[in-house]
Amino acid sequence: MEPAEASYCLIYITASSAEEAERLARIVLEKHLAACANIFAPIRSLYWWQGTLEKAEEAVLILKAPRHLYATIEKEILAHHTYQTPAILEIPLGRGLPGYLQWIAAETQNASD
């Protein structure tokens, strides 16, 4: 049975450093909430925060997971993130290689809270 593409997502998360992104990724991966994590660092971010235009070096963490686990992943990230209001964004997948989506499903079938 091929998994429905809309059942999967990428979760985009910013972190203060590559080390924090890796720590967050390990928390999620060890609970089998996501099948894979990609970390891009450093990135340069410009953003508005409390009325001031800020600039910072950050890292981006991208998780590949079933959409039904998004709320649990968000809760885990919020519990362990150093930011007051981190970027945690679900990006639904419209399509994907069926074998890859099956791999995500297999790696997350034993997800734990």
Protein backbone atom coordinates (compact mmCIF):
# COMPACT_ATOMS: atom_id res chain seq x y z
CA MET A 1 0.00 0.00 0.00
CA GLU A 2 1.40 3.38 -0.99
CA PRO A 3 1.17 6.12 1.65
CA ALA A 4 -0.83 9.22 0.72
CA GLU A 5 1.51 12.13 0.06
CA ALA A 6 -0.67 14.59 2.00
CA SER A 7 -0.10 12.45 5.09
CA TYR A 8 3.53 13.65 5.35
CA CYS A 9 5.22 16.95 6.01
CA LEU A 10 8.44 18.81 6.47
CA ILE A 11 8.76 20.71 9.73
CA TYR A 12 10.91 23.84 9.48
CA ILE A 13 12.49 24.98 12.75
CA THR A 14 15.03 27.71 13.46
CA ALA A 15 17.54 27.32 16.29
CA SER A 16 20.25 29.46 17.84
CA SER A 17 23.07 27.22 16.58
CA ALA A 18 23.85 23.96 14.80
CA GLU A 19 24.42 22.39 18.23
CA GLU A 20 20.94 23.34 19.41
CA ALA A 21 19.41 22.12 16.14
CA GLU A 22 21.18 18.77 16.56
CA ARG A 23 20.07 18.47 20.19
CA LEU A 24 16.45 19.13 19.16
CA ALA A 25 16.72 16.69 16.25
CA ARG A 26 18.01 13.92 18.53
CA ILE A 27 15.11 14.44 20.98
CA VAL A 28 12.58 14.00 18.17
CA LEU A 29 14.43 11.19 16.37
CA GLU A 30 15.01 9.14 19.52
CA LYS A 31 11.24 9.09 20.05
CA HIS A 32 10.71 8.05 16.39
CA LEU A 33 8.53 11.12 15.80
CA ALA A 34 10.44 11.89 12.59
CA ALA A 35 12.44 9.70 10.23
CA CYS A 36 15.13 12.20 9.29
CA ALA A 37 16.55 15.59 10.23
CA ASN A 38 18.54 18.00 8.08
CA ILE A 39 20.51 20.84 9.62
CA PHE A 40 21.65 23.90 7.68
CA ALA A 41 24.08 26.18 9.49
CA PRO A 42 24.97 28.88 9.70
CA ILE A 43 22.20 30.88 8.12
CA ARG A 44 21.81 34.64 8.39
CA SER A 45 18.41 35.75 9.63
CA LEU A 46 16.87 39.21 9.55
CA TYR A 47 13.59 39.55 11.42
CA TRP A 48 11.37 41.85 13.42
CA TRP A 49 11.35 41.19 17.17
CA GLN A 50 9.53 43.42 19.63
CA GLY A 51 9.56 46.41 17.27
CA THR A 52 13.25 46.16 16.34
CA LEU A 53 14.80 44.81 13.16
CA GLU A 54 17.23 42.11 14.34
CA LYS A 55 20.02 40.19 12.65
CA ALA A 56 21.41 36.87 13.85
CA GLU A 57 23.26 33.74 12.80
CA GLU A 58 21.03 30.73 13.29
CA ALA A 59 20.57 27.15 12.13
CA VAL A 60 17.63 25.59 10.32
CA LEU A 61 16.37 22.15 11.28
CA ILE A 62 14.09 20.35 8.84
CA LEU A 63 12.30 17.23 10.03
CA LYS A 64 10.55 14.69 7.78
CA ALA A 65 7.53 13.21 9.51
CA PRO A 66 3.93 12.03 9.24
CA ARG A 67 1.52 14.96 9.61
CA HIS A 68 -0.39 13.26 12.43
CA LEU A 69 2.76 13.58 14.60
CA TYR A 70 3.15 17.35 14.07
CA ALA A 71 1.42 18.38 17.33
CA THR A 72 3.59 16.00 19.37
CA ILE A 73 6.75 17.24 17.62
CA GLU A 74 5.76 20.85 18.22
CA LYS A 75 5.23 20.11 21.93
CA GLU A 76 8.67 18.44 22.19
CA ILE A 77 10.42 21.30 20.41
CA LEU A 78 8.72 23.93 22.59
CA ALA A 79 9.68 22.03 25.74
CA HIS A 80 13.39 21.96 24.80
CA HIS A 81 13.98 25.07 22.64
CA THR A 82 15.92 28.06 23.96
CA TYR A 83 13.81 30.62 22.05
CA GLN A 84 10.75 32.22 23.59
CA THR A 85 8.90 31.98 20.25
CA PRO A 86 10.72 29.63 17.86
CA ALA A 87 9.76 29.22 14.23
CA ILE A 88 8.08 25.83 13.99
CA LEU A 89 6.27 25.50 10.67
CA GLU A 90 4.53 22.51 9.11
CA ILE A 91 4.94 22.25 5.33
CA PRO A 92 2.58 19.59 3.93
CA LEU A 93 4.02 17.44 1.16
CA GLY A 94 1.97 17.42 -2.00
CA ARG A 95 3.95 14.59 -3.58
CA GLY A 96 6.93 12.39 -2.89
CA LEU A 97 8.73 9.28 -4.00
CA PRO A 98 6.47 6.46 -2.72
CA GLY A 99 9.41 4.42 -1.44
CA TYR A 100 10.72 7.40 0.53
CA LEU A 101 7.31 8.06 2.06
CA GLN A 102 7.06 4.38 3.00
CA TRP A 103 10.43 4.71 4.72
CA ILE A 104 9.15 7.70 6.77
CA ALA A 105 6.10 5.63 7.75
CA ALA A 106 8.22 2.63 8.75
CA GLU A 107 10.66 4.69 10.83
CA THR A 108 7.89 6.48 12.74
CA GLN A 109 5.45 3.64 13.30
CA ASN A 110 6.73 3.15 16.85
CA ALA A 111 6.55 6.82 17.83
CA SER A 112 6.51 7.48 21.57
CA ASP A 113 5.43 10.54 23.58
